[in-house]
Amino acid sequence: MSQTLNALFAVLLAMQSTAPLRKSDLVRLLSDAVLAPVELAQLVRRTCLTFAPTDRDRNDFRLLGADASLLAAVDDCDLRAHRSRSQRLSTAGRGCIAARRGR
């Protein structure tokens, strides 16, 4: 019973958190199966992830019970993170060009 309470407590903390989920968080939430896949997908969409999932990660998530909505949320989060990195690099590049022109 204490294991169930620990899992429930972890889920409640994850749902209240606005911090991105780590891979270990996502694996734990999938393994404990306390949240429905749709609820877990909503959590991933809301908080995003701290890592860029590989094909192997996606396969592992599938084996742990991830459905299409969760995998789509993981892919969407990865796409948003990639866009954000690209925008930061683009902005940094424009700053370097402007600095060189000022010389």
PDB file of N, CA and C in Angstrom:
ATOM      1  N   MET A   1       0.815  -1.192   0.000  1.00  0.00           N
ATOM      2  CA  MET A   1       0.000   0.000   0.000  1.00  0.00           C
ATOM      3  C   MET A   1       0.861   1.260   0.000  1.00  0.00           C
ATOM      4  N   SER A   2       1.964   1.247   0.732  1.00  0.00           N
ATOM      5  CA  SER A   2       2.816   2.433   0.770  1.00  0.00           C
ATOM      6  C   SER A   2       3.400   2.734  -0.604  1.00  0.00           C
ATOM      7  N   GLN A   3       3.627   1.697  -1.406  1.00  0.00           N
ATOM      8  CA  GLN A   3       4.141   1.907  -2.763  1.00  0.00           C
ATOM      9  C   GLN A   3       3.094   2.650  -3.604  1.00  0.00           C
ATOM     10  N   THR A   4       1.829   2.313  -3.419  1.00  0.00           N
ATOM     11  CA  THR A   4       0.757   2.991  -4.132  1.00  0.00           C
ATOM     12  C   THR A   4       0.661   4.445  -3.708  1.00  0.00           C
ATOM     13  N   LEU A   5       0.797   4.691  -2.405  1.00  0.00           N
ATOM     14  CA  LEU A   5       0.765   6.070  -1.910  1.00  0.00           C
ATOM     15  C   LEU A   5       1.943   6.878  -2.428  1.00  0.00           C
ATOM     16  N   ASN A   6       3.114   6.258  -2.476  1.00  0.00           N
ATOM     17  CA  ASN A   6       4.295   6.940  -3.018  1.00  0.00           C
ATOM     18  C   ASN A   6       4.090   7.299  -4.484  1.00  0.00           C
ATOM     19  N   ALA A   7       3.525   6.382  -5.238  1.00  0.00           N
ATOM     20  CA  ALA A   7       3.265   6.639  -6.660  1.00  0.00           C
ATOM     21  C   ALA A   7       2.254   7.772  -6.815  1.00  0.00           C
ATOM     22  N   LEU A   8       1.205   7.726  -6.008  1.00  0.00           N
ATOM     23  CA  LEU A   8       0.192   8.775  -6.073  1.00  0.00           C
ATOM     24  C   LEU A   8       0.780  10.128  -5.694  1.00  0.00           C
ATOM     25  N   PHE A   9       1.616  10.153  -4.672  1.00  0.00           N
ATOM     26  CA  PHE A   9       2.273  11.388  -4.250  1.00  0.00           C
ATOM     27  C   PHE A   9       3.164  11.929  -5.362  1.00  0.00           C
ATOM     28  N   ALA A  10       3.906  11.043  -6.019  1.00  0.00           N
ATOM     29  CA  ALA A  10       4.784  11.471  -7.128  1.00  0.00           C
ATOM     30  C   ALA A  10       3.965  12.060  -8.261  1.00  0.00           C
ATOM     31  N   VAL A  11       2.823  11.459  -8.552  1.00  0.00           N
ATOM     32  CA  VAL A  11       1.954  11.959  -9.617  1.00  0.00           C
ATOM     33  C   VAL A  11       1.407  13.329  -9.256  1.00  0.00           C
ATOM     34  N   LEU A  12       0.952  13.478  -8.016  1.00  0.00           N
ATOM     35  CA  LEU A  12       0.416  14.773  -7.587  1.00  0.00           C
ATOM     36  C   LEU A  12       1.471  15.869  -7.671  1.00  0.00           C
ATOM     37  N   LEU A  13       2.687  15.560  -7.262  1.00  0.00           N
ATOM     38  CA  LEU A  13       3.774  16.542  -7.366  1.00  0.00           C
ATOM     39  C   LEU A  13       4.061  16.889  -8.824  1.00  0.00           C
ATOM     40  N   ALA A  14       4.090  15.881  -9.669  1.00  0.00           N
ATOM     41  CA  ALA A  14       4.365  16.117 -11.091  1.00  0.00           C
ATOM     42  C   ALA A  14       3.275  16.971 -11.725  1.00  0.00           C
ATOM     43  N   MET A  15       2.021  16.732 -11.337  1.00  0.00           N
ATOM     44  CA  MET A  15       0.918  17.481 -11.930  1.00  0.00           C
ATOM     45  C   MET A  15       0.907  18.932 -11.477  1.00  0.00           C
ATOM     46  N   GLN A  16       1.398  19.202 -10.268  1.00  0.00           N
ATOM     47  CA  GLN A  16       1.418  20.566  -9.762  1.00  0.00           C
ATOM     48  C   GLN A  16       2.632  21.331 -10.259  1.00  0.00           C
ATOM     49  N   SER A  17       3.651  20.623 -10.630  1.00  0.00           N
ATOM     50  CA  SER A  17       4.897  21.240 -11.051  1.00  0.00           C
ATOM     51  C   SER A  17       4.764  21.846 -12.443  1.00  0.00           C
ATOM     52  N   THR A  18       5.475  22.939 -12.640  1.00  0.00           N
ATOM     53  CA  THR A  18       5.556  23.524 -13.977  1.00  0.00           C
ATOM     54  C   THR A  18       6.914  23.238 -14.589  1.00  0.00           C
ATOM     55  N   ALA A  19       7.760  22.524 -13.842  1.00  0.00           N
ATOM     56  CA  ALA A  19       9.080  22.172 -14.343  1.00  0.00           C
ATOM     57  C   ALA A  19       8.953  21.078 -15.403  1.00  0.00           C
ATOM     58  N   PRO A  20       9.780  21.139 -16.412  1.00  0.00           N
ATOM     59  CA  PRO A  20       9.753  20.088 -17.433  1.00  0.00           C
ATOM     60  C   PRO A  20      10.048  18.717 -16.828  1.00  0.00           C
ATOM     61  N   LEU A  21       9.487  17.689 -17.428  1.00  0.00           N
ATOM     62  CA  LEU A  21       9.681  16.323 -16.941  1.00  0.00           C
ATOM     63  C   LEU A  21      11.020  15.774 -17.414  1.00  0.00           C
ATOM     64  N   ARG A  22      11.699  15.090 -16.506  1.00  0.00           N
ATOM     65  CA  ARG A  22      12.914  14.368 -16.878  1.00  0.00           C
ATOM     66  C   ARG A  22      12.506  13.019 -17.455  1.00  0.00           C
ATOM     67  N   LYS A  23      13.438  12.363 -18.119  1.00  0.00           N
ATOM     68  CA  LYS A  23      13.141  11.048 -18.679  1.00  0.00           C
ATOM     69  C   LYS A  23      12.728  10.081 -17.569  1.00  0.00           C
ATOM     70  N   SER A  24      13.419  10.137 -16.447  1.00  0.00           N
ATOM     71  CA  SER A  24      13.084   9.246 -15.334  1.00  0.00           C
ATOM     72  C   SER A  24      11.678   9.516 -14.795  1.00  0.00           C
ATOM     73  N   ASP A  25      11.251  10.789 -14.805  1.00  0.00           N
ATOM     74  CA  ASP A  25       9.888  11.124 -14.369  1.00  0.00           C
ATOM     75  C   ASP A  25       8.864  10.473 -15.290  1.00  0.00           C
ATOM     76  N   LEU A  26       9.089  10.609 -16.585  1.00  0.00           N
ATOM     77  CA  LEU A  26       8.150  10.073 -17.555  1.00  0.00           C
ATOM     78  C   LEU A  26       8.091   8.549 -17.482  1.00  0.00           C
ATOM     79  N   VAL A  27       9.246   7.907 -17.333  1.00  0.00           N
ATOM     80  CA  VAL A  27       9.287   6.443 -17.204  1.00  0.00           C
ATOM     81  C   VAL A  27       8.548   6.008 -15.942  1.00  0.00           C
ATOM     82  N   ARG A  28       8.761   6.727 -14.841  1.00  0.00           N
ATOM     83  CA  ARG A  28       8.086   6.378 -13.590  1.00  0.00           C
ATOM     84  C   ARG A  28       6.573   6.532 -13.725  1.00  0.00           C
ATOM     85  N   LEU A  29       6.137   7.623 -14.329  1.00  0.00           N
ATOM     86  CA  LEU A  29       4.704   7.845 -14.498  1.00  0.00           C
ATOM     87  C   LEU A  29       4.077   6.799 -15.418  1.00  0.00           C
ATOM     88  N   LEU A  30       4.796   6.395 -16.444  1.00  0.00           N
ATOM     89  CA  LEU A  30       4.291   5.333 -17.316  1.00  0.00           C
ATOM     90  C   LEU A  30       4.277   3.986 -16.600  1.00  0.00           C
ATOM     91  N   SER A  31       5.316   3.706 -15.831  1.00  0.00           N
ATOM     92  CA  SER A  31       5.433   2.426 -15.143  1.00  0.00           C
ATOM     93  C   SER A  31       4.380   2.260 -14.058  1.00  0.00           C
ATOM     94  N   ASP A  32       4.120   3.339 -13.316  1.00  0.00           N
ATOM     95  CA  ASP A  32       3.161   3.257 -12.215  1.00  0.00           C
ATOM     96  C   ASP A  32       1.728   3.184 -12.709  1.00  0.00           C
ATOM     97  N   ALA A  33       1.482   3.660 -13.916  1.00  0.00           N
ATOM     98  CA  ALA A  33       0.152   3.632 -14.536  1.00  0.00           C
ATOM     99  C   ALA A  33      -0.927   4.221 -13.636  1.00  0.00           C
ATOM    100  N   VAL A  34      -0.582   5.264 -12.888  1.00  0.00           N
ATOM    101  CA  VAL A  34      -1.564   5.934 -12.037  1.00  0.00           C
ATOM    102  C   VAL A  34      -2.383   6.915 -12.869  1.00  0.00           C
ATOM    103  N   LEU A  35      -1.734   7.549 -13.838  1.00  0.00           N
ATOM    104  CA  LEU A  35      -2.429   8.477 -14.731  1.00  0.00           C
ATOM    105  C   LEU A  35      -2.845   7.750 -15.997  1.00  0.00           C
ATOM    106  N   ALA A  36      -3.986   8.130 -16.514  1.00  0.00           N
ATOM    107  CA  ALA A  36      -4.406   7.628 -17.817  1.00  0.00           C
ATOM    108  C   ALA A  36      -3.472   8.225 -18.869  1.00  0.00           C
ATOM    109  N   PRO A  37      -3.241   7.526 -19.970  1.00  0.00           N
ATOM    110  CA  PRO A  37      -2.358   8.056 -21.016  1.00  0.00           C
ATOM    111  C   PRO A  37      -2.752   9.458 -21.492  1.00  0.00           C
ATOM    112  N   VAL A  38      -4.041   9.739 -21.573  1.00  0.00           N
ATOM    113  CA  VAL A  38      -4.485  11.067 -22.007  1.00  0.00           C
ATOM    114  C   VAL A  38      -4.066  12.124 -20.989  1.00  0.00           C
ATOM    115  N   GLU A  39      -4.181  11.801 -19.697  1.00  0.00           N
ATOM    116  CA  GLU A  39      -3.770  12.748 -18.655  1.00  0.00           C
ATOM    117  C   GLU A  39      -2.260  12.961 -18.680  1.00  0.00           C
ATOM    118  N   LEU A  40      -1.530  11.905 -18.922  1.00  0.00           N
ATOM    119  CA  LEU A  40      -0.078  12.019 -19.015  1.00  0.00           C
ATOM    120  C   LEU A  40       0.322  12.853 -20.230  1.00  0.00           C
ATOM    121  N   ALA A  41      -0.396  12.690 -21.327  1.00  0.00           N
ATOM    122  CA  ALA A  41      -0.131  13.508 -22.523  1.00  0.00           C
ATOM    123  C   ALA A  41      -0.386  14.981 -22.226  1.00  0.00           C
ATOM    124  N   GLN A  42      -1.443  15.278 -21.485  1.00  0.00           N
ATOM    125  CA  GLN A  42      -1.733  16.666 -21.105  1.00  0.00           C
ATOM    126  C   GLN A  42      -0.622  17.230 -20.228  1.00  0.00           C
ATOM    127  N   LEU A  43      -0.106  16.409 -19.314  1.00  0.00           N
ATOM    128  CA  LEU A  43       0.987  16.843 -18.451  1.00  0.00           C
ATOM    129  C   LEU A  43       2.231  17.160 -19.279  1.00  0.00           C
ATOM    130  N   VAL A  44       2.551  16.303 -20.237  1.00  0.00           N
ATOM    131  CA  VAL A  44       3.723  16.534 -21.093  1.00  0.00           C
ATOM    132  C   VAL A  44       3.542  17.805 -21.915  1.00  0.00           C
ATOM    133  N   ARG A  45       2.336  18.019 -22.451  1.00  0.00           N
ATOM    134  CA  ARG A  45       2.080  19.242 -23.226  1.00  0.00           C
ATOM    135  C   ARG A  45       2.229  20.489 -22.364  1.00  0.00           C
ATOM    136  N   ARG A  46       1.807  20.387 -21.104  1.00  0.00           N
ATOM    137  CA  ARG A  46       1.834  21.544 -20.210  1.00  0.00           C
ATOM    138  C   ARG A  46       3.253  21.858 -19.718  1.00  0.00           C
ATOM    139  N   THR A  47       4.026  20.825 -19.399  1.00  0.00           N
ATOM    140  CA  THR A  47       5.334  21.061 -18.783  1.00  0.00           C
ATOM    141  C   THR A  47       6.511  20.857 -19.721  1.00  0.00           C
ATOM    142  N   CYS A  48       6.328  20.062 -20.744  1.00  0.00           N
ATOM    143  CA  CYS A  48       7.362  19.706 -21.704  1.00  0.00           C
ATOM    144  C   CYS A  48       8.405  18.783 -21.071  1.00  0.00           C
ATOM    145  N   LEU A  49       9.546  18.630 -21.699  1.00  0.00           N
ATOM    146  CA  LEU A  49      10.566  17.674 -21.264  1.00  0.00           C
ATOM    147  C   LEU A  49      11.926  18.355 -21.142  1.00  0.00           C
ATOM    148  N   THR A  50      12.788  17.773 -20.319  1.00  0.00           N
ATOM    149  CA  THR A  50      14.139  18.312 -20.170  1.00  0.00           C
ATOM    150  C   THR A  50      15.126  17.661 -21.134  1.00  0.00           C
ATOM    151  N   PHE A  51      14.653  16.739 -21.941  1.00  0.00           N
ATOM    152  CA  PHE A  51      15.546  15.984 -22.816  1.00  0.00           C
ATOM    153  C   PHE A  51      14.945  15.893 -24.211  1.00  0.00           C
ATOM    154  N   ALA A  52      15.800  15.627 -25.171  1.00  0.00           N
ATOM    155  CA  ALA A  52      15.351  15.404 -26.550  1.00  0.00           C
ATOM    156  C   ALA A  52      15.216  13.898 -26.737  1.00  0.00           C
ATOM    157  N   PRO A  53      13.983  13.395 -26.815  1.00  0.00           N
ATOM    158  CA  PRO A  53      13.791  11.947 -26.903  1.00  0.00           C
ATOM    159  C   PRO A  53      14.320  11.363 -28.211  1.00  0.00           C
ATOM    160  N   THR A  54      14.988  10.244 -28.076  1.00  0.00           N
ATOM    161  CA  THR A  54      15.504   9.524 -29.242  1.00  0.00           C
ATOM    162  C   THR A  54      14.455   8.517 -29.713  1.00  0.00           C
ATOM    163  N   ASP A  55      14.722   7.892 -30.837  1.00  0.00           N
ATOM    164  CA  ASP A  55      13.825   6.832 -31.315  1.00  0.00           C
ATOM    165  C   ASP A  55      13.753   5.698 -30.296  1.00  0.00           C
ATOM    166  N   ARG A  56      14.874   5.416 -29.670  1.00  0.00           N
ATOM    167  CA  ARG A  56      14.878   4.360 -28.643  1.00  0.00           C
ATOM    168  C   ARG A  56      13.999   4.756 -27.460  1.00  0.00           C
ATOM    169  N   ASP A  57      14.071   6.031 -27.047  1.00  0.00           N
ATOM    170  CA  ASP A  57      13.206   6.504 -25.959  1.00  0.00           C
ATOM    171  C   ASP A  57      11.739   6.317 -26.331  1.00  0.00           C
ATOM    172  N   ARG A  58      11.386   6.728 -27.544  1.00  0.00           N
ATOM    173  CA  ARG A  58       9.993   6.598 -27.987  1.00  0.00           C
ATOM    174  C   ARG A  58       9.540   5.141 -27.977  1.00  0.00           C
ATOM    175  N   ASN A  59      10.426   4.252 -28.423  1.00  0.00           N
ATOM    176  CA  ASN A  59      10.102   2.829 -28.405  1.00  0.00           C
ATOM    177  C   ASN A  59       9.927   2.338 -26.963  1.00  0.00           C
ATOM    178  N   ASP A  60      10.807   2.765 -26.070  1.00  0.00           N
ATOM    179  CA  ASP A  60      10.685   2.385 -24.657  1.00  0.00           C
ATOM    180  C   ASP A  60       9.369   2.895 -24.075  1.00  0.00           C
ATOM    181  N   PHE A  61       8.999   4.121 -24.412  1.00  0.00           N
ATOM    182  CA  PHE A  61       7.727   4.673 -23.916  1.00  0.00           C
ATOM    183  C   PHE A  61       6.556   3.830 -24.431  1.00  0.00           C
ATOM    184  N   ARG A  62       6.640   3.441 -25.700  1.00  0.00           N
ATOM    185  CA  ARG A  62       5.591   2.603 -26.295  1.00  0.00           C
ATOM    186  C   ARG A  62       5.479   1.278 -25.542  1.00  0.00           C
ATOM    187  N   LEU A  63       6.630   0.674 -25.242  1.00  0.00           N
ATOM    188  CA  LEU A  63       6.642  -0.602 -24.520  1.00  0.00           C
ATOM    189  C   LEU A  63       6.085  -0.455 -23.096  1.00  0.00           C
ATOM    190  N   LEU A  64       6.221   0.728 -22.525  1.00  0.00           N
ATOM    191  CA  LEU A  64       5.702   0.985 -21.176  1.00  0.00           C
ATOM    192  C   LEU A  64       4.220   1.361 -21.189  1.00  0.00           C
ATOM    193  N   GLY A  65       3.630   1.470 -22.388  1.00  0.00           N
ATOM    194  CA  GLY A  65       2.198   1.727 -22.464  1.00  0.00           C
ATOM    195  C   GLY A  65       1.802   3.078 -23.020  1.00  0.00           C
ATOM    196  N   ALA A  66       2.753   3.826 -23.531  1.00  0.00           N
ATOM    197  CA  ALA A  66       2.414   5.132 -24.115  1.00  0.00           C
ATOM    198  C   ALA A  66       1.536   4.916 -25.339  1.00  0.00           C
ATOM    199  N   ASP A  67       0.492   5.725 -25.440  1.00  0.00           N
ATOM    200  CA  ASP A  67      -0.388   5.641 -26.602  1.00  0.00           C
ATOM    201  C   ASP A  67      -0.028   6.742 -27.597  1.00  0.00           C
ATOM    202  N   ALA A  68      -0.801   6.819 -28.664  1.00  0.00           N
ATOM    203  CA  ALA A  68      -0.511   7.791 -29.731  1.00  0.00           C
ATOM    204  C   ALA A  68      -0.573   9.227 -29.235  1.00  0.00           C
ATOM    205  N   SER A  69      -1.505   9.532 -28.312  1.00  0.00           N
ATOM    206  CA  SER A  69      -1.617  10.914 -27.821  1.00  0.00           C
ATOM    207  C   SER A  69      -0.390  11.309 -27.002  1.00  0.00           C
ATOM    208  N   LEU A  70       0.148  10.384 -26.217  1.00  0.00           N
ATOM    209  CA  LEU A  70       1.348  10.697 -25.431  1.00  0.00           C
ATOM    210  C   LEU A  70       2.560  10.849 -26.346  1.00  0.00           C
ATOM    211  N   LEU A  71       2.703   9.955 -27.314  1.00  0.00           N
ATOM    212  CA  LEU A  71       3.836  10.064 -28.232  1.00  0.00           C
ATOM    213  C   LEU A  71       3.755  11.339 -29.055  1.00  0.00           C
ATOM    214  N   ALA A  72       2.546  11.750 -29.423  1.00  0.00           N
ATOM    215  CA  ALA A  72       2.378  13.015 -30.149  1.00  0.00           C
ATOM    216  C   ALA A  72       2.769  14.194 -29.262  1.00  0.00           C
ATOM    217  N   ALA A  73       2.422  14.131 -27.971  1.00  0.00           N
ATOM    218  CA  ALA A  73       2.790  15.201 -27.039  1.00  0.00           C
ATOM    219  C   ALA A  73       4.310  15.272 -26.876  1.00  0.00           C
ATOM    220  N   VAL A  74       4.957  14.110 -26.808  1.00  0.00           N
ATOM    221  CA  VAL A  74       6.425  14.057 -26.703  1.00  0.00           C
ATOM    222  C   VAL A  74       7.048  14.666 -27.961  1.00  0.00           C
ATOM    223  N   ASP A  75       6.531  14.297 -29.131  1.00  0.00           N
ATOM    224  CA  ASP A  75       7.060  14.840 -30.394  1.00  0.00           C
ATOM    225  C   ASP A  75       6.824  16.339 -30.496  1.00  0.00           C
ATOM    226  N   ASP A  76       5.654  16.789 -30.065  1.00  0.00           N
ATOM    227  CA  ASP A  76       5.327  18.216 -30.106  1.00  0.00           C
ATOM    228  C   ASP A  76       6.266  19.000 -29.197  1.00  0.00           C
ATOM    229  N   CYS A  77       6.521  18.460 -28.029  1.00  0.00           N
ATOM    230  CA  CYS A  77       7.428  19.117 -27.089  1.00  0.00           C
ATOM    231  C   CYS A  77       8.841  19.185 -27.674  1.00  0.00           C
ATOM    232  N   ASP A  78       9.277  18.099 -28.292  1.00  0.00           N
ATOM    233  CA  ASP A  78      10.601  18.065 -28.909  1.00  0.00           C
ATOM    234  C   ASP A  78      10.683  19.091 -30.034  1.00  0.00           C
ATOM    235  N   LEU A  79       9.617  19.222 -30.808  1.00  0.00           N
ATOM    236  CA  LEU A  79       9.582  20.195 -31.902  1.00  0.00           C
ATOM    237  C   LEU A  79       9.634  21.630 -31.365  1.00  0.00           C
ATOM    238  N   ARG A  80       8.866  21.894 -30.289  1.00  0.00           N
ATOM    239  CA  ARG A  80       8.888  23.236 -29.681  1.00  0.00           C
ATOM    240  C   ARG A  80      10.271  23.565 -29.138  1.00  0.00           C
ATOM    241  N   ALA A  81      10.910  22.592 -28.501  1.00  0.00           N
ATOM    242  CA  ALA A  81      12.251  22.821 -27.957  1.00  0.00           C
ATOM    243  C   ALA A  81      13.245  23.087 -29.076  1.00  0.00           C
ATOM    244  N   HIS A  82      13.122  22.350 -30.183  1.00  0.00           N
ATOM    245  CA  HIS A  82      14.020  22.542 -31.327  1.00  0.00           C
ATOM    246  C   HIS A  82      13.845  23.937 -31.917  1.00  0.00           C
ATOM    247  N   ARG A  83      12.590  24.378 -32.063  1.00  0.00           N
ATOM    248  CA  ARG A  83      12.333  25.731 -32.582  1.00  0.00           C
ATOM    249  C   ARG A  83      12.926  26.785 -31.666  1.00  0.00           C
ATOM    250  N   SER A  84      12.769  26.585 -30.369  1.00  0.00           N
ATOM    251  CA  SER A  84      13.284  27.543 -29.398  1.00  0.00           C
ATOM    252  C   SER A  84      14.810  27.639 -29.487  1.00  0.00           C
ATOM    253  N   ARG A  85      15.477  26.478 -29.599  1.00  0.00           N
ATOM    254  CA  ARG A  85      16.938  26.487 -29.740  1.00  0.00           C
ATOM    255  C   ARG A  85      17.344  27.193 -31.020  1.00  0.00           C
ATOM    256  N   SER A  86      16.621  26.935 -32.114  1.00  0.00           N
ATOM    257  CA  SER A  86      16.940  27.572 -33.400  1.00  0.00           C
ATOM    258  C   SER A  86      16.782  29.077 -33.318  1.00  0.00           C
ATOM    259  N   GLN A  87      15.730  29.538 -32.643  1.00  0.00           N
ATOM    260  CA  GLN A  87      15.503  30.972 -32.505  1.00  0.00           C
ATOM    261  C   GLN A  87      16.605  31.616 -31.673  1.00  0.00           C
ATOM    262  N   ARG A  88      17.019  30.937 -30.601  1.00  0.00           N
ATOM    263  CA  ARG A  88      18.097  31.489 -29.769  1.00  0.00           C
ATOM    264  C   ARG A  88      19.390  31.585 -30.565  1.00  0.00           C
ATOM    265  N   LEU A  89      19.697  30.549 -31.345  1.00  0.00           N
ATOM    266  CA  LEU A  89      20.912  30.568 -32.159  1.00  0.00           C
ATOM    267  C   LEU A  89      20.831  31.645 -33.228  1.00  0.00           C
ATOM    268  N   SER A  90      19.665  31.819 -33.816  1.00  0.00           N
ATOM    269  CA  SER A  90      19.480  32.839 -34.839  1.00  0.00           C
ATOM    270  C   SER A  90      19.675  34.231 -34.243  1.00  0.00           C
ATOM    271  N   THR A  91      19.113  34.449 -33.071  1.00  0.00           N
ATOM    272  CA  THR A  91      19.252  35.740 -32.399  1.00  0.00           C
ATOM    273  C   THR A  91      20.708  35.997 -32.029  1.00  0.00           C
ATOM    274  N   ALA A  92      21.381  34.954 -31.544  1.00  0.00           N
ATOM    275  CA  ALA A  92      22.798  35.107 -31.185  1.00  0.00           C
ATOM    276  C   ALA A  92      23.626  35.410 -32.428  1.00  0.00           C
ATOM    277  N   GLY A  93      23.304  34.756 -33.549  1.00  0.00           N
ATOM    278  CA  GLY A  93      24.029  35.001 -34.794  1.00  0.00           C
ATOM    279  C   GLY A  93      23.864  36.424 -35.284  1.00  0.00           C
ATOM    280  N   ARG A  94      22.643  36.959 -35.179  1.00  0.00           N
ATOM    281  CA  ARG A  94      22.417  38.357 -35.591  1.00  0.00           C
ATOM    282  C   ARG A  94      23.207  39.308 -34.705  1.00  0.00           C
ATOM    283  N   GLY A  95      23.338  38.970 -33.417  1.00  0.00           N
ATOM    284  CA  GLY A  95      24.112  39.813 -32.505  1.00  0.00           C
ATOM    285  C   GLY A  95      25.584  39.827 -32.879  1.00  0.00           C
ATOM    286  N   CYS A  96      26.102  38.673 -33.284  1.00  0.00           N
ATOM    287  CA  CYS A  96      27.507  38.597 -33.698  1.00  0.00           C
ATOM    288  C   CYS A  96      27.749  39.394 -34.977  1.00  0.00           C
ATOM    289  N   ILE A  97      26.817  39.292 -35.926  1.00  0.00           N
ATOM    290  CA  ILE A  97      26.952  40.033 -37.186  1.00  0.00           C
ATOM    291  C   ILE A  97      26.895  41.534 -36.919  1.00  0.00           C
ATOM    292  N   ALA A  98      25.975  41.953 -36.063  1.00  0.00           N
ATOM    293  CA  ALA A  98      25.863  43.372 -35.745  1.00  0.00           C
ATOM    294  C   ALA A  98      27.115  43.878 -35.049  1.00  0.00           C
ATOM    295  N   ALA A  99      27.709  43.060 -34.184  1.00  0.00           N
ATOM    296  CA  ALA A  99      28.913  43.457 -33.485  1.00  0.00           C
ATOM    297  C   ALA A  99      30.083  43.607 -34.460  1.00  0.00           C
ATOM    298  N   ARG A 100      30.160  42.717 -35.453  1.00  0.00           N
ATOM    299  CA  ARG A 100      31.239  42.802 -36.434  1.00  0.00           C
ATOM    300  C   ARG A 100      31.101  44.033 -37.323  1.00  0.00           C
ATOM    301  N   ARG A 101      29.868  44.363 -37.649  1.00  0.00           N
ATOM    302  CA  ARG A 101      29.644  45.531 -38.493  1.00  0.00           C
ATOM    303  C   ARG A 101      30.023  46.812 -37.760  1.00  0.00           C
ATOM    304  N   GLY A 102      29.898  46.799 -36.447  1.00  0.00           N
ATOM    305  CA  GLY A 102      30.195  47.989 -35.649  1.00  0.00           C
ATOM    306  C   GLY A 102      31.676  48.266 -35.537  1.00  0.00           C
ATOM    307  N   ARG A 103      32.505  47.332 -35.922  1.00  0.00           N
ATOM    308  CA  ARG A 103      33.951  47.511 -35.814  1.00  0.00           C
ATOM    309  C   ARG A 103      34.526  48.352 -36.888  1.00  0.00           C
TER     310      ARG A 103
END
